Amino acid sequence: MTIMDSGQVRELLRRVPYPGFSRDVVSAGFVGEIVTAGPRVEVEFKPNTRDENKISEMEHEIRELLLEANFLDVRIKRVNPFMVDAPLRSATQNTTASPKKENGCGCGNGESRLMTPLQAEFLEDGELPEADLLAIALGRADVAKAAGYVPGGPSPLSGPREALSYECGISVLQWDINPHDPQSITRQHEIKLGEWDYRVWWQVHPAGLLYVSMQAMREDWVEHEGAVPHPVGRSEAVNLVYDVKRSAVVAIYGTVRDFRPFVKAFSEALALESNEQSGAENNEQSGATNPEGVER
């Protein structure tokens, strides 16, 4: 009776598929150390999912395959891959997280931290995520001391500042916009384009300009096991300035990849506003002809 060595066992386990994926458990990175000793074999198994049905299915196929290969004693040692290399803790463990340290946010010094959705996506694809080095660095209180960031908080940076009243003869129209001014003319509309919901708000400037603030939101129903959920789904924001006299956008800014959907949503909001105004004017004219508003 020929008994396989660890290398042959690893190649044999490539026949075991990862349920729901085109990869096998070896190429997916689920098989760790393999130890063989005569008719006995021990396999370190590191599944990246918490789906117990999938895990049980893979373990069953591993066991059956090794028994067919003449191993009499098959032992599968399950290892939690979520704690490999970069210690991560699931969202459900957040309530038991350790408090912040005096020298940082508790992200460094080998402590576990909350798994991000991106890291969870890597795990779901069969790959162990790399450590979030930026999150660890930002948790240090001594980062960027030269820029004024100290344990007590950032110090104001130096630079040219106008301590007195602003007087140079050039007006900045944008500075006239105050969203909290109850006397200002403001409009708000909600527009639906595809999967995105747009909230469009603008304030009318006496110079014939509309200062527009827009937010696009889309529900994100994807849930990642063990990861902190997206707080409100996907959200993007854009600001623009519209010249009423020229019927043109004279400025647009934001951090989105494509501004055109926002311009489209604004145009629909503008058309909606125009229809509402036309309807109000028609009602006024009808009321003037028939003050009592009674159909004749």
Protein backbone atom coordinates (compact mmCIF):
# COMPACT_ATOMS: atom_id res chain seq x y z
CA MET A 1 0.00 0.00 0.00
CA THR A 2 1.54 3.29 -1.15
CA ILE A 3 1.07 6.32 1.10
CA MET A 4 1.34 9.82 -0.35
CA ASP A 5 3.65 12.51 0.95
CA SER A 6 2.45 16.06 1.74
CA GLY A 7 3.18 17.35 -1.77
CA GLN A 8 1.15 14.58 -3.37
CA VAL A 9 -1.70 15.20 -0.94
CA ARG A 10 -1.75 18.88 -1.87
CA GLU A 11 -1.99 18.04 -5.55
CA LEU A 12 -4.76 15.53 -4.82
CA LEU A 13 -6.78 18.15 -2.98
CA ARG A 14 -6.93 20.26 -6.12
CA ARG A 15 -9.84 18.00 -7.07
CA VAL A 16 -11.94 19.51 -4.26
CA PRO A 17 -13.88 22.55 -5.57
CA TYR A 18 -14.74 25.69 -3.67
CA PRO A 19 -18.59 25.62 -3.82
CA GLY A 20 -19.93 28.40 -5.98
CA PHE A 21 -16.56 29.26 -7.53
CA SER A 22 -14.44 27.93 -10.36
CA ARG A 23 -11.38 27.47 -8.13
CA ASP A 24 -10.36 24.51 -6.03
CA VAL A 25 -9.56 24.69 -2.32
CA VAL A 26 -5.80 24.69 -2.96
CA SER A 27 -5.72 27.51 -5.52
CA ALA A 28 -8.16 29.45 -3.33
CA GLY A 29 -5.59 29.35 -0.52
CA PHE A 30 -7.67 27.26 1.86
CA VAL A 31 -5.10 24.48 2.34
CA GLY A 32 -2.25 25.26 4.70
CA GLU A 33 0.29 22.90 6.18
CA ILE A 34 -0.05 19.17 5.43
CA VAL A 35 1.59 16.52 7.63
CA THR A 36 1.67 12.83 6.73
CA ALA A 37 2.87 10.00 8.95
CA GLY A 38 2.25 6.59 7.48
CA PRO A 39 -1.52 6.03 7.20
CA ARG A 40 -2.22 9.25 9.06
CA VAL A 41 -2.64 12.72 7.49
CA GLU A 42 -3.42 16.08 9.01
CA VAL A 43 -4.57 18.97 6.80
CA GLU A 44 -4.66 22.59 7.91
CA PHE A 45 -7.90 23.95 6.44
CA LYS A 46 -8.44 27.73 6.23
CA PRO A 47 -11.82 28.43 4.57
CA ASN A 48 -12.52 32.11 3.97
CA THR A 49 -16.28 31.82 4.48
CA ARG A 50 -18.48 31.51 7.53
CA ASP A 51 -21.06 29.57 5.53
CA GLU A 52 -21.12 26.37 7.57
CA ASN A 53 -22.78 24.44 4.76
CA LYS A 54 -19.96 25.23 2.34
CA ILE A 55 -17.32 24.47 4.95
CA SER A 56 -18.90 21.13 5.81
CA GLU A 57 -19.17 20.23 2.13
CA MET A 58 -15.49 20.98 1.50
CA GLU A 59 -14.34 19.14 4.61
CA HIS A 60 -16.45 16.12 3.66
CA GLU A 61 -14.95 15.96 0.16
CA ILE A 62 -11.42 16.37 1.55
CA ARG A 63 -11.98 13.53 4.01
CA GLU A 64 -13.54 11.19 1.44
CA LEU A 65 -10.79 11.87 -1.09
CA LEU A 66 -8.04 11.13 1.41
CA LEU A 67 -9.75 7.96 2.62
CA GLU A 68 -9.91 6.77 -0.98
CA ALA A 69 -6.16 7.47 -1.17
CA ASN A 70 -5.61 4.76 1.52
CA PHE A 71 -5.23 7.08 4.51
CA LEU A 72 -6.80 5.44 7.55
CA ASP A 73 -6.64 8.41 9.91
CA VAL A 74 -7.69 11.73 8.34
CA ARG A 75 -7.60 14.81 10.54
CA ILE A 76 -8.69 18.25 9.38
CA LYS A 77 -7.51 21.17 11.48
CA ARG A 78 -9.69 24.16 10.78
CA VAL A 79 -7.99 27.55 11.07
CA ASN A 80 -9.72 30.95 11.09
CA PRO A 81 -8.23 32.84 8.09
CA PHE A 82 -9.71 36.11 9.33
CA MET A 83 -6.92 36.27 11.90
CA VAL A 84 -4.01 35.52 9.55
CA ASP A 85 -1.26 38.10 9.00
CA ALA A 86 -3.43 41.16 9.73
CA PRO A 87 -5.64 40.56 12.77
CA LEU A 88 -9.17 41.63 11.94
CA ARG A 89 -12.33 41.55 13.98
CA SER A 90 -15.84 41.25 12.67
CA ALA A 91 -18.54 43.89 12.97
CA THR A 92 -20.33 41.83 15.60
CA GLN A 93 -17.22 41.93 17.79
CA ASN A 94 -17.15 45.71 17.72
CA THR A 95 -18.92 46.03 21.04
CA THR A 96 -16.10 44.16 22.80
CA ALA A 97 -13.33 46.12 21.14
CA SER A 98 -10.59 47.41 23.37
CA PRO A 99 -10.60 51.16 24.17
CA LYS A 100 -8.28 53.57 22.42
CA LYS A 101 -4.71 53.68 23.60
CA GLU A 102 -3.08 56.86 24.73
CA ASN A 103 -0.66 56.72 21.82
CA GLY A 104 -3.22 56.06 19.08
CA CYS A 105 -6.55 54.57 18.10
CA GLY A 106 -5.80 50.97 18.98
CA CYS A 107 -5.16 50.13 15.31
CA GLY A 108 -1.48 49.49 15.67
CA ASN A 109 0.84 47.56 17.99
CA GLY A 110 -0.54 44.24 16.74
CA GLU A 111 -4.11 44.87 17.92
CA SER A 112 -7.08 43.71 15.90
CA ARG A 113 -9.20 46.23 14.01
CA LEU A 114 -12.55 46.22 12.28
CA MET A 115 -12.54 44.52 8.89
CA THR A 116 -13.39 46.78 5.96
CA PRO A 117 -15.86 45.78 3.19
CA LEU A 118 -12.95 45.68 0.71
CA GLN A 119 -11.03 43.24 2.90
CA ALA A 120 -14.15 41.11 3.20
CA GLU A 121 -14.53 41.09 -0.58
CA PHE A 122 -10.96 39.78 -0.92
CA LEU A 123 -11.76 36.99 1.53
CA GLU A 124 -14.93 36.08 -0.35
CA ASP A 125 -12.85 35.79 -3.53
CA GLY A 126 -10.48 33.35 -1.84
CA GLU A 127 -7.64 35.80 -1.18
CA LEU A 128 -6.34 36.95 2.17
CA PRO A 129 -6.42 40.75 2.36
CA GLU A 130 -3.33 42.80 2.99
CA ALA A 131 -3.09 44.88 6.12
CA ASP A 132 -4.60 48.36 5.85
CA LEU A 133 -1.32 50.17 6.39
CA LEU A 134 -2.89 53.60 5.97
CA ALA A 135 -5.41 52.94 8.76
CA ILE A 136 -2.61 51.77 11.01
CA ALA A 137 -0.49 54.83 10.23
CA LEU A 138 -3.35 57.26 10.78
CA GLY A 139 -3.92 55.74 14.18
CA ARG A 140 -0.53 56.96 15.37
CA ALA A 141 -0.57 60.20 17.31
CA ASP A 142 2.95 61.07 16.17
CA VAL A 143 2.11 61.10 12.46
CA ALA A 144 2.88 64.32 10.54
CA LYS A 145 4.21 66.28 13.51
CA ALA A 146 5.87 68.71 11.12
CA ALA A 147 2.42 69.59 9.75
CA GLY A 148 1.09 70.46 13.19
CA TYR A 149 -0.56 67.16 14.11
CA VAL A 150 0.16 66.46 17.76
CA PRO A 151 -1.57 64.34 20.44
CA GLY A 152 -3.77 67.27 21.43
CA GLY A 153 -4.96 67.80 17.86
CA PRO A 154 -3.74 69.73 14.80
CA SER A 155 -2.30 73.21 15.24
CA PRO A 156 -3.36 75.91 12.76
CA LEU A 157 -1.06 75.97 9.76
CA SER A 158 0.73 79.16 8.87
CA GLY A 159 -0.11 81.06 5.71
CA PRO A 160 -1.47 84.38 4.42
CA ARG A 161 -4.63 85.27 6.31
CA GLU A 162 -6.71 88.45 6.29
CA ALA A 163 -7.24 89.39 9.91
CA LEU A 164 -9.25 92.53 9.11
CA SER A 165 -12.35 93.07 6.96
CA TYR A 166 -12.22 91.95 3.34
CA GLU A 167 -11.73 95.01 1.16
CA CYS A 168 -10.26 94.69 -2.30
CA GLY A 169 -13.05 95.80 -4.66
CA ILE A 170 -13.77 92.31 -6.05
CA SER A 171 -16.97 90.65 -4.96
CA VAL A 172 -17.18 86.88 -4.57
CA LEU A 173 -20.74 85.91 -5.42
CA GLN A 174 -20.42 82.49 -3.86
CA TRP A 175 -19.83 84.08 -0.48
CA ASP A 176 -23.31 85.60 -0.68
CA ILE A 177 -24.89 82.15 -0.48
CA ASN A 178 -26.19 81.25 2.95
CA PRO A 179 -28.28 78.04 3.05
CA HIS A 180 -29.62 79.01 6.48
CA ASP A 181 -30.98 82.39 5.37
CA PRO A 182 -34.81 82.13 5.51
CA GLN A 183 -35.14 85.14 3.19
CA SER A 184 -33.27 83.48 0.34
CA ILE A 185 -35.10 81.78 -2.51
CA THR A 186 -34.30 78.06 -2.42
CA ARG A 187 -35.60 75.07 -4.32
CA GLN A 188 -35.31 71.34 -3.72
CA HIS A 189 -36.21 68.35 -5.90
CA GLU A 190 -35.69 64.60 -5.90
CA ILE A 191 -34.83 62.97 -9.23
CA LYS A 192 -34.56 59.26 -10.05
CA LEU A 193 -32.12 58.19 -12.79
CA GLY A 194 -31.52 54.47 -13.11
CA GLU A 195 -30.41 53.02 -9.78
CA TRP A 196 -29.44 56.42 -8.39
CA ASP A 197 -31.56 58.85 -6.39
CA TYR A 198 -30.55 62.50 -6.76
CA ARG A 199 -31.31 65.19 -4.24
CA VAL A 200 -31.01 68.57 -5.91
CA TRP A 201 -30.94 71.78 -3.88
CA TRP A 202 -30.19 75.28 -5.08
CA GLN A 203 -30.26 78.87 -3.91
CA VAL A 204 -31.05 81.75 -6.22
CA HIS A 205 -28.50 84.56 -6.38
CA PRO A 206 -29.74 88.06 -7.33
CA ALA A 207 -27.13 88.15 -10.10
CA GLY A 208 -29.11 85.54 -12.04
CA LEU A 209 -27.16 82.50 -10.86
CA LEU A 210 -28.27 79.26 -9.26
CA TYR A 211 -25.83 77.76 -6.78
CA VAL A 212 -26.66 74.07 -6.86
CA SER A 213 -25.71 71.29 -4.47
CA MET A 214 -26.46 67.71 -5.54
CA GLN A 215 -26.15 64.34 -3.88
CA ALA A 216 -26.57 61.00 -5.64
CA MET A 217 -27.32 57.92 -3.55
CA ARG A 218 -27.75 54.27 -4.33
CA GLU A 219 -28.72 51.45 -2.01
CA ASP A 220 -25.96 48.91 -1.37
CA TRP A 221 -27.55 45.63 -0.38
CA VAL A 222 -24.31 43.61 -0.51
CA GLU A 223 -23.52 42.25 2.93
CA HIS A 224 -20.04 41.00 3.74
CA GLU A 225 -19.71 38.49 6.55
CA GLY A 226 -17.63 39.82 9.41
CA ALA A 227 -17.21 43.31 7.97
CA VAL A 228 -18.55 46.67 9.01
CA PRO A 229 -21.53 47.45 6.73
CA HIS A 230 -21.78 50.43 4.42
CA PRO A 231 -23.52 53.10 6.54
CA VAL A 232 -25.81 54.51 3.85
CA GLY A 233 -24.87 52.67 0.68
CA ARG A 234 -23.10 54.56 -2.08
CA SER A 235 -23.13 58.35 -2.16
CA GLU A 236 -21.54 60.98 -4.42
CA ALA A 237 -21.80 64.77 -4.35
CA VAL A 238 -21.39 67.53 -6.93
CA ASN A 239 -21.79 71.32 -6.82
CA LEU A 240 -22.45 73.49 -9.85
CA VAL A 241 -23.29 77.09 -10.78
CA TYR A 242 -25.97 77.69 -13.39
CA ASP A 243 -26.33 80.97 -15.30
CA VAL A 244 -30.04 81.56 -15.90
CA LYS A 245 -29.55 84.20 -18.61
CA ARG A 246 -27.18 82.06 -20.67
CA SER A 247 -28.91 78.77 -19.80
CA ALA A 248 -25.53 77.19 -19.13
CA VAL A 249 -23.50 75.66 -16.34
CA VAL A 250 -20.58 78.01 -15.74
CA ALA A 251 -18.85 75.96 -13.02
CA ILE A 252 -19.03 72.38 -11.79
CA TYR A 253 -16.88 70.62 -9.23
CA GLY A 254 -16.75 67.42 -7.25
CA THR A 255 -14.81 64.16 -6.96
CA VAL A 256 -16.95 61.95 -9.23
CA ARG A 257 -15.75 60.10 -12.32
CA ASP A 258 -18.49 61.47 -14.59
CA PHE A 259 -20.31 64.79 -14.16
CA ARG A 260 -22.83 64.19 -16.95
CA PRO A 261 -25.41 62.21 -14.90
CA PHE A 262 -25.49 65.09 -12.42
CA VAL A 263 -26.04 67.64 -15.17
CA LYS A 264 -28.83 65.43 -16.53
CA ALA A 265 -30.46 65.20 -13.10
CA PHE A 266 -30.20 68.97 -12.66
CA SER A 267 -31.79 69.57 -16.06
CA GLU A 268 -34.74 67.39 -15.06
CA ALA A 269 -35.06 69.21 -11.75
CA LEU A 270 -34.96 72.52 -13.62
CA ALA A 271 -37.67 71.33 -16.04
CA LEU A 272 -39.75 70.13 -13.11
CA GLU A 273 -39.39 73.54 -11.48
CA SER A 274 -40.44 75.25 -14.71
CA ASN A 275 -43.53 73.04 -15.00
CA GLU A 276 -44.49 73.77 -11.40
CA GLN A 277 -44.16 77.52 -11.99
CA SER A 278 -46.22 77.31 -15.19
CA GLY A 279 -48.90 75.38 -13.34
CA ALA A 280 -48.96 77.99 -10.56
CA GLU A 281 -49.29 80.83 -13.10
CA ASN A 282 -52.16 79.06 -14.85
CA ASN A 283 -53.93 78.58 -11.54
CA GLU A 284 -53.52 82.26 -10.75
CA GLN A 285 -54.97 83.27 -14.11
CA SER A 286 -57.83 80.84 -13.68
CA GLY A 287 -58.49 82.21 -10.22
CA ALA A 288 -58.55 85.78 -11.54
CA THR A 289 -61.18 84.85 -14.15
CA ASN A 290 -63.17 82.75 -11.70
CA PRO A 291 -62.39 84.09 -8.21
CA GLU A 292 -64.53 81.51 -6.50
CA GLY A 293 -62.72 78.66 -8.26
CA VAL A 294 -66.04 77.02 -9.17
CA GLU A 295 -66.30 75.05 -12.40
CA ARG A 296 -68.92 76.38 -14.79
